[in-house]
Amino acid sequence: MESNVLKLAAQNAVVIFSKSTCGMCHAIKRLFYEQGVNPTVYELDEQKHGREMELALKRLGCSPSVPAVFVGGKFIGSAHDVLTLHLDGSLKKMLKDAGALWL
């Protein structure tokens, strides 16, 4: 399952593994939308194999398992990590390098 998760994560510039009932997931998705980025979002609680995907994310080092954010196919972290990258300005560069932002 880990290889399936990594394959999904590499298919788009920004991929977020989330749960529809998770407040931090909602906040992180909103952060990307407000940056002008349209991430691919997989709501694990709405996926047929969502539980297995969540366990695979944990085995890949995602802790907590959601939100798990990938930019350019690379895991950049959960909510705390993403917010830190945003505040220090490096998230925008990562998004540009991945082709998710053009400005």
N, C-alpha and C. Protein backbone atom coordinates (compact mmCIF):
# COMPACT_ATOMS: atom_id res chain seq x y z
N MET A 1 0.83 -1.20 0.00
CA MET A 1 0.00 0.00 0.00
C MET A 1 0.87 1.26 0.00
N GLU A 2 2.06 1.19 0.63
CA GLU A 2 2.93 2.35 0.65
C GLU A 2 3.28 2.81 -0.76
N SER A 3 3.55 1.86 -1.65
CA SER A 3 3.90 2.23 -3.02
C SER A 3 2.71 2.89 -3.72
N ASN A 4 1.50 2.45 -3.42
CA ASN A 4 0.31 3.08 -4.01
C ASN A 4 0.16 4.52 -3.53
N VAL A 5 0.40 4.75 -2.24
CA VAL A 5 0.31 6.09 -1.68
C VAL A 5 1.35 6.99 -2.34
N LEU A 6 2.58 6.49 -2.46
CA LEU A 6 3.64 7.29 -3.07
C LEU A 6 3.36 7.57 -4.54
N LYS A 7 2.75 6.61 -5.22
CA LYS A 7 2.40 6.81 -6.62
C LYS A 7 1.33 7.92 -6.74
N LEU A 8 0.33 7.88 -5.87
CA LEU A 8 -0.70 8.93 -5.87
C LEU A 8 -0.07 10.29 -5.56
N ALA A 9 0.85 10.30 -4.61
CA ALA A 9 1.49 11.55 -4.19
C ALA A 9 2.32 12.17 -5.29
N ALA A 10 2.83 11.35 -6.20
CA ALA A 10 3.70 11.85 -7.27
C ALA A 10 2.94 12.26 -8.53
N GLN A 11 1.63 12.02 -8.58
CA GLN A 11 0.87 12.28 -9.80
C GLN A 11 0.50 13.73 -10.00
N ASN A 12 0.57 14.54 -8.96
CA ASN A 12 0.20 15.95 -9.06
C ASN A 12 1.20 16.79 -8.28
N ALA A 13 1.24 18.09 -8.59
CA ALA A 13 2.20 18.98 -7.94
C ALA A 13 2.00 19.04 -6.43
N VAL A 14 0.74 19.09 -5.99
CA VAL A 14 0.44 19.13 -4.56
C VAL A 14 -0.65 18.10 -4.27
N VAL A 15 -0.35 17.22 -3.33
CA VAL A 15 -1.30 16.18 -2.93
C VAL A 15 -1.44 16.23 -1.42
N ILE A 16 -2.69 16.23 -0.97
CA ILE A 16 -2.96 16.24 0.46
C ILE A 16 -3.82 15.03 0.80
N PHE A 17 -3.34 14.22 1.73
CA PHE A 17 -4.13 13.13 2.28
C PHE A 17 -4.78 13.70 3.53
N SER A 18 -6.11 13.58 3.60
CA SER A 18 -6.89 14.31 4.59
C SER A 18 -8.02 13.44 5.09
N LYS A 19 -8.76 13.98 6.03
CA LYS A 19 -10.04 13.41 6.45
C LYS A 19 -11.04 14.55 6.46
N SER A 20 -12.23 14.28 5.97
CA SER A 20 -13.23 15.33 5.82
C SER A 20 -13.68 15.91 7.16
N THR A 21 -13.46 15.19 8.25
CA THR A 21 -13.89 15.64 9.57
C THR A 21 -12.77 16.27 10.38
N CYS A 22 -11.59 16.43 9.79
CA CYS A 22 -10.41 16.92 10.50
C CYS A 22 -10.27 18.43 10.34
N GLY A 23 -10.31 19.15 11.44
CA GLY A 23 -10.21 20.60 11.41
C GLY A 23 -8.87 21.10 10.89
N MET A 24 -7.77 20.47 11.29
CA MET A 24 -6.45 20.89 10.80
C MET A 24 -6.31 20.60 9.31
N CYS A 25 -6.91 19.51 8.86
CA CYS A 25 -6.89 19.20 7.43
C CYS A 25 -7.58 20.31 6.65
N HIS A 26 -8.72 20.73 7.15
CA HIS A 26 -9.47 21.81 6.50
C HIS A 26 -8.62 23.08 6.45
N ALA A 27 -7.96 23.40 7.54
CA ALA A 27 -7.13 24.61 7.59
C ALA A 27 -5.98 24.54 6.59
N ILE A 28 -5.35 23.39 6.46
CA ILE A 28 -4.22 23.25 5.53
C ILE A 28 -4.71 23.32 4.09
N LYS A 29 -5.83 22.68 3.79
CA LYS A 29 -6.38 22.77 2.43
C LYS A 29 -6.69 24.22 2.09
N ARG A 30 -7.27 24.93 3.04
CA ARG A 30 -7.62 26.34 2.85
C ARG A 30 -6.37 27.19 2.60
N LEU A 31 -5.30 26.91 3.32
CA LEU A 31 -4.05 27.61 3.11
C LEU A 31 -3.58 27.49 1.66
N PHE A 32 -3.66 26.30 1.12
CA PHE A 32 -3.23 26.10 -0.27
C PHE A 32 -4.18 26.80 -1.23
N TYR A 33 -5.48 26.70 -1.02
CA TYR A 33 -6.44 27.38 -1.89
C TYR A 33 -6.20 28.88 -1.88
N GLU A 34 -5.92 29.44 -0.70
CA GLU A 34 -5.70 30.88 -0.59
C GLU A 34 -4.39 31.32 -1.25
N GLN A 35 -3.47 30.38 -1.44
CA GLN A 35 -2.22 30.67 -2.16
C GLN A 35 -2.42 30.59 -3.67
N GLY A 36 -3.62 30.16 -4.09
CA GLY A 36 -3.87 30.00 -5.52
C GLY A 36 -3.51 28.62 -6.03
N VAL A 37 -3.33 27.68 -5.12
CA VAL A 37 -2.95 26.32 -5.48
C VAL A 37 -4.19 25.43 -5.39
N ASN A 38 -4.33 24.56 -6.37
CA ASN A 38 -5.45 23.63 -6.39
C ASN A 38 -4.92 22.22 -6.13
N PRO A 39 -4.78 21.83 -4.87
CA PRO A 39 -4.20 20.53 -4.57
C PRO A 39 -5.15 19.38 -4.91
N THR A 40 -4.56 18.24 -5.18
CA THR A 40 -5.34 17.01 -5.27
C THR A 40 -5.52 16.52 -3.84
N VAL A 41 -6.76 16.28 -3.45
CA VAL A 41 -7.06 15.90 -2.07
C VAL A 41 -7.68 14.51 -2.05
N TYR A 42 -7.12 13.66 -1.22
CA TYR A 42 -7.69 12.34 -0.98
C TYR A 42 -8.24 12.33 0.44
N GLU A 43 -9.56 12.30 0.55
CA GLU A 43 -10.21 12.23 1.86
C GLU A 43 -10.25 10.76 2.27
N LEU A 44 -9.39 10.39 3.20
CA LEU A 44 -9.23 8.98 3.54
C LEU A 44 -10.50 8.36 4.11
N ASP A 45 -11.32 9.16 4.78
CA ASP A 45 -12.57 8.62 5.34
C ASP A 45 -13.63 8.42 4.26
N GLU A 46 -13.33 8.82 3.03
CA GLU A 46 -14.26 8.63 1.92
C GLU A 46 -13.71 7.68 0.85
N GLN A 47 -12.51 7.16 1.08
CA GLN A 47 -11.86 6.25 0.13
C GLN A 47 -12.14 4.80 0.51
N LYS A 48 -12.29 3.97 -0.50
CA LYS A 48 -12.56 2.55 -0.26
C LYS A 48 -11.46 1.92 0.60
N HIS A 49 -10.21 2.25 0.33
CA HIS A 49 -9.08 1.69 1.08
C HIS A 49 -8.43 2.75 1.96
N GLY A 50 -9.24 3.66 2.45
CA GLY A 50 -8.74 4.78 3.24
C GLY A 50 -8.01 4.37 4.49
N ARG A 51 -8.51 3.39 5.20
CA ARG A 51 -7.86 2.95 6.44
C ARG A 51 -6.48 2.38 6.14
N GLU A 52 -6.38 1.58 5.07
CA GLU A 52 -5.09 1.02 4.69
C GLU A 52 -4.14 2.13 4.24
N MET A 53 -4.66 3.13 3.54
CA MET A 53 -3.84 4.26 3.11
C MET A 53 -3.32 5.03 4.33
N GLU A 54 -4.17 5.21 5.32
CA GLU A 54 -3.77 5.91 6.54
C GLU A 54 -2.64 5.15 7.25
N LEU A 55 -2.77 3.85 7.35
CA LEU A 55 -1.72 3.04 7.98
C LEU A 55 -0.43 3.12 7.17
N ALA A 56 -0.54 3.13 5.84
CA ALA A 56 0.64 3.25 4.99
C ALA A 56 1.32 4.60 5.21
N LEU A 57 0.54 5.66 5.34
CA LEU A 57 1.12 6.97 5.62
C LEU A 57 1.89 6.97 6.93
N LYS A 58 1.33 6.32 7.94
CA LYS A 58 2.02 6.21 9.23
C LYS A 58 3.34 5.46 9.07
N ARG A 59 3.32 4.36 8.31
CA ARG A 59 4.55 3.59 8.09
C ARG A 59 5.59 4.39 7.31
N LEU A 60 5.12 5.34 6.49
CA LEU A 60 6.04 6.20 5.74
C LEU A 60 6.57 7.36 6.58
N GLY A 61 6.13 7.44 7.83
CA GLY A 61 6.64 8.47 8.72
C GLY A 61 5.73 9.66 8.92
N CYS A 62 4.53 9.61 8.41
CA CYS A 62 3.57 10.70 8.59
C CYS A 62 2.94 10.57 9.97
N SER A 63 3.26 11.49 10.84
CA SER A 63 2.71 11.45 12.18
C SER A 63 2.39 12.86 12.64
N PRO A 64 1.13 13.19 12.82
CA PRO A 64 -0.04 12.34 12.64
C PRO A 64 -0.23 11.99 11.16
N SER A 65 -1.09 11.03 10.91
CA SER A 65 -1.26 10.54 9.53
C SER A 65 -1.92 11.56 8.62
N VAL A 66 -2.76 12.44 9.16
CA VAL A 66 -3.39 13.49 8.35
C VAL A 66 -3.32 14.81 9.09
N PRO A 67 -3.23 15.92 8.39
CA PRO A 67 -3.01 15.98 6.95
C PRO A 67 -1.58 15.59 6.60
N ALA A 68 -1.42 14.87 5.53
CA ALA A 68 -0.10 14.52 4.99
C ALA A 68 0.03 15.24 3.66
N VAL A 69 1.00 16.13 3.58
CA VAL A 69 1.13 17.00 2.41
C VAL A 69 2.38 16.62 1.62
N PHE A 70 2.18 16.43 0.32
CA PHE A 70 3.27 16.14 -0.61
C PHE A 70 3.32 17.25 -1.64
N VAL A 71 4.52 17.76 -1.89
CA VAL A 71 4.73 18.78 -2.92
C VAL A 71 5.82 18.25 -3.85
N GLY A 72 5.50 18.20 -5.12
CA GLY A 72 6.46 17.65 -6.08
C GLY A 72 6.80 16.21 -5.81
N GLY A 73 5.84 15.46 -5.26
CA GLY A 73 6.05 14.05 -4.96
C GLY A 73 6.80 13.79 -3.68
N LYS A 74 7.22 14.85 -2.98
CA LYS A 74 8.00 14.71 -1.75
C LYS A 74 7.14 15.05 -0.54
N PHE A 75 7.21 14.22 0.47
CA PHE A 75 6.48 14.48 1.70
C PHE A 75 7.10 15.67 2.40
N ILE A 76 6.30 16.74 2.62
CA ILE A 76 6.84 17.91 3.31
C ILE A 76 6.36 17.99 4.75
N GLY A 77 5.38 17.18 5.13
CA GLY A 77 4.99 17.13 6.52
C GLY A 77 3.50 17.24 6.75
N SER A 78 3.19 17.38 8.04
CA SER A 78 1.81 17.55 8.48
C SER A 78 1.55 19.04 8.71
N ALA A 79 0.48 19.34 9.39
CA ALA A 79 0.04 20.73 9.56
C ALA A 79 1.13 21.63 10.13
N HIS A 80 1.76 21.21 11.23
CA HIS A 80 2.80 22.03 11.86
C HIS A 80 3.93 22.35 10.89
N ASP A 81 4.38 21.33 10.15
CA ASP A 81 5.48 21.52 9.20
C ASP A 81 5.09 22.47 8.08
N VAL A 82 3.89 22.29 7.55
CA VAL A 82 3.42 23.13 6.45
C VAL A 82 3.29 24.59 6.91
N LEU A 83 2.74 24.79 8.10
CA LEU A 83 2.60 26.16 8.61
C LEU A 83 3.97 26.79 8.84
N THR A 84 4.93 26.03 9.34
CA THR A 84 6.28 26.55 9.53
C THR A 84 6.89 26.95 8.19
N LEU A 85 6.76 26.11 7.17
CA LEU A 85 7.27 26.42 5.84
C LEU A 85 6.59 27.65 5.26
N HIS A 86 5.31 27.78 5.51
CA HIS A 86 4.56 28.94 5.02
C HIS A 86 5.06 30.22 5.69
N LEU A 87 5.23 30.17 7.00
CA LEU A 87 5.63 31.36 7.74
C LEU A 87 7.06 31.80 7.42
N ASP A 88 7.94 30.85 7.13
CA ASP A 88 9.31 31.26 6.82
C ASP A 88 9.52 31.54 5.33
N GLY A 89 8.45 31.40 4.54
CA GLY A 89 8.50 31.75 3.12
C GLY A 89 8.96 30.65 2.19
N SER A 90 9.40 29.54 2.72
CA SER A 90 9.93 28.50 1.85
C SER A 90 8.85 27.67 1.16
N LEU A 91 7.63 27.67 1.67
CA LEU A 91 6.56 26.92 1.02
C LEU A 91 6.29 27.47 -0.38
N LYS A 92 6.27 28.77 -0.51
CA LYS A 92 5.99 29.38 -1.81
C LYS A 92 7.03 28.95 -2.85
N LYS A 93 8.31 28.92 -2.46
CA LYS A 93 9.35 28.48 -3.39
C LYS A 93 9.15 27.02 -3.77
N MET A 94 8.81 26.19 -2.79
CA MET A 94 8.56 24.77 -3.08
C MET A 94 7.42 24.62 -4.08
N LEU A 95 6.37 25.41 -3.90
CA LEU A 95 5.21 25.34 -4.79
C LEU A 95 5.58 25.79 -6.19
N LYS A 96 6.39 26.83 -6.29
CA LYS A 96 6.85 27.29 -7.61
C LYS A 96 7.70 26.23 -8.28
N ASP A 97 8.64 25.66 -7.53
CA ASP A 97 9.53 24.63 -8.08
C ASP A 97 8.75 23.40 -8.55
N ALA A 98 7.65 23.10 -7.89
CA ALA A 98 6.82 21.93 -8.25
C ALA A 98 5.86 22.25 -9.39
N GLY A 99 5.77 23.53 -9.77
CA GLY A 99 4.85 23.91 -10.85
C GLY A 99 3.43 24.13 -10.40
N ALA A 100 3.24 24.29 -9.08
CA ALA A 100 1.90 24.52 -8.55
C ALA A 100 1.56 26.00 -8.50
N LEU A 101 2.58 26.86 -8.55
CA LEU A 101 2.41 28.31 -8.53
C LEU A 101 3.23 28.90 -9.66
N TRP A 102 2.71 29.93 -10.29
CA TRP A 102 3.43 30.55 -11.39
C TRP A 102 3.89 31.96 -11.07
N LEU A 103 3.42 32.53 -9.98
CA LEU A 103 3.79 33.91 -9.64
C LEU A 103 5.03 33.97 -8.79
